[in-house]
Every structure is written in C-alpha cells, then in structure tokens.
Protein backbone atom coordinates (compact mmCIF):
# COMPACT_ATOMS: atom_id res chain seq x y z
CA MET A 1 84.96 102.66 73.22
CA THR A 2 81.83 102.63 75.38
CA GLU A 3 80.15 105.35 77.31
CA GLU A 4 81.81 104.09 80.65
CA GLY A 5 85.32 104.11 79.07
CA MET A 6 87.59 101.80 76.85
CA LEU A 7 86.56 98.18 76.70
CA PHE A 8 89.78 95.93 76.68
CA ASN A 9 89.69 92.14 77.08
CA GLY A 10 86.40 92.28 78.69
CA PHE A 11 87.36 95.06 81.30
CA VAL A 12 86.15 98.37 81.05
CA CYS A 13 89.21 100.78 81.39
CA GLN A 14 88.63 104.22 82.82
CA PRO A 15 90.95 107.36 82.08
CA VAL A 16 93.79 107.96 84.58
CA VAL A 17 93.39 110.44 87.63
CA GLU A 18 95.61 113.38 88.23
CA GLN A 19 97.77 111.28 90.62
CA CYS A 20 98.84 108.99 87.56
CA GLU A 21 100.55 111.90 85.90
CA GLY A 22 104.27 111.02 85.23
CA CYS A 23 103.72 107.25 85.72
CA GLU A 24 105.38 104.93 83.08
CA ARG A 25 102.25 102.71 83.07
CA THR A 26 100.28 105.21 81.21
CA GLY A 27 99.24 104.83 77.59
CA GLU A 28 97.40 107.30 75.37
CA PHE A 29 94.30 106.06 73.16
CA GLU A 30 92.09 108.13 71.13
CA GLY A 31 93.09 111.47 72.96
CA GLN A 32 92.55 109.90 76.40
CA THR A 33 95.34 108.50 78.92
CA TYR A 34 94.77 105.00 80.17
CA CYS A 35 96.67 102.81 82.69
CA LYS A 36 98.16 99.77 81.22
CA SER A 37 98.35 97.93 84.42
CA TYR A 38 94.88 98.52 86.17
CA PRO A 39 91.36 99.33 84.66
CA MET A 40 90.09 101.63 87.49
CA PRO A 41 93.06 103.81 88.39
CA ASN A 42 90.63 105.86 90.76
CA ALA A 43 90.12 102.88 92.90
CA LYS A 44 93.80 102.16 93.25
CA TRP A 45 94.24 105.78 94.64
CA ALA A 46 91.40 105.67 96.97
CA MET A 47 93.23 103.89 99.73
CA GLY A 48 96.69 105.65 99.51
CA ALA A 49 99.30 105.24 96.90
CA CYS A 50 98.97 102.99 94.03
CA ASN A 51 100.98 100.07 94.06
CA PHE A 52 101.62 100.14 90.35
CA ALA A 53 103.06 103.85 90.20
CA THR A 54 106.45 104.17 89.15
CA HIS A 55 106.78 107.90 89.62
CA ILE A 56 106.52 107.64 93.55
CA LYS A 57 108.80 106.39 96.10
CA ALA A 58 107.85 104.14 99.25
CA THR A 59 107.98 106.14 102.42
CA VAL A 60 109.97 105.31 105.36
CA ASP A 61 108.36 105.39 108.85
CA LYS A 62 108.87 108.29 111.10
CA SER A 63 111.62 106.61 113.08
CA GLY A 64 113.49 105.73 109.79
CA GLN A 65 113.78 102.08 111.00
CA VAL A 66 112.56 99.11 108.76
CA LYS A 67 109.60 97.47 110.23
CA ILE A 68 110.01 93.81 111.35
CA ASN A 69 107.36 91.18 111.98
CA PRO A 70 107.16 90.61 115.67
CA LEU A 71 106.57 86.92 115.05
CA LYS A 72 110.08 86.69 113.55
CA ALA A 73 111.94 88.92 115.81
CA SER A 74 110.64 86.70 118.67
CA LYS A 75 111.94 83.66 116.90
CA ARG A 76 115.25 85.18 116.29
CA ALA A 77 115.53 86.31 119.86
CA ALA A 78 115.10 82.82 121.02
CA ARG A 79 117.68 81.47 118.79
CA GLY A 80 120.25 83.87 119.80
CA ARG A 81 120.73 86.15 117.04
C-alpha cells in the first residue's frame, strides 16, 4: 500500500468509483474495493461506460438498427448482395 493506492505489479491501483458497483471484476483488499482489470477505474468511466464492466449492457442506437461500416456496405452493393 502507498499513499496513492495499492501497488501491484508496478501499477498503482486506485479504489473503484461508484459506477463500478455490481461489477464482477472488482475485488476487496484491506477494506477497499479495487478493479482486477484496470488500475485507474475513474479514467475508464470518464468518457462513458467502462468496456470492462460486466453489470451494464451495450445500448442500441435510436433507430434500433445495427450500425454497418459504409465501406463494407458499398462493397456488398457492388457485388449484388
């Protein structure tokens, strides 16, 4: 343990944030909960949902359709599919 957090394999692990509540990738050590997959959980949640989170599901866009790569769509159209 250091002042910044728990030191593990050369990385300083910080305690989880409240968005991580219910995730299966968390573990408790000396009374604090840490992420087993990423040392800085607050950075993962800064830009939206954490990609390691097991307790949330991916959202579907507003139209309910799967997003298709436009380059692949044009190639399929050229082949006649």
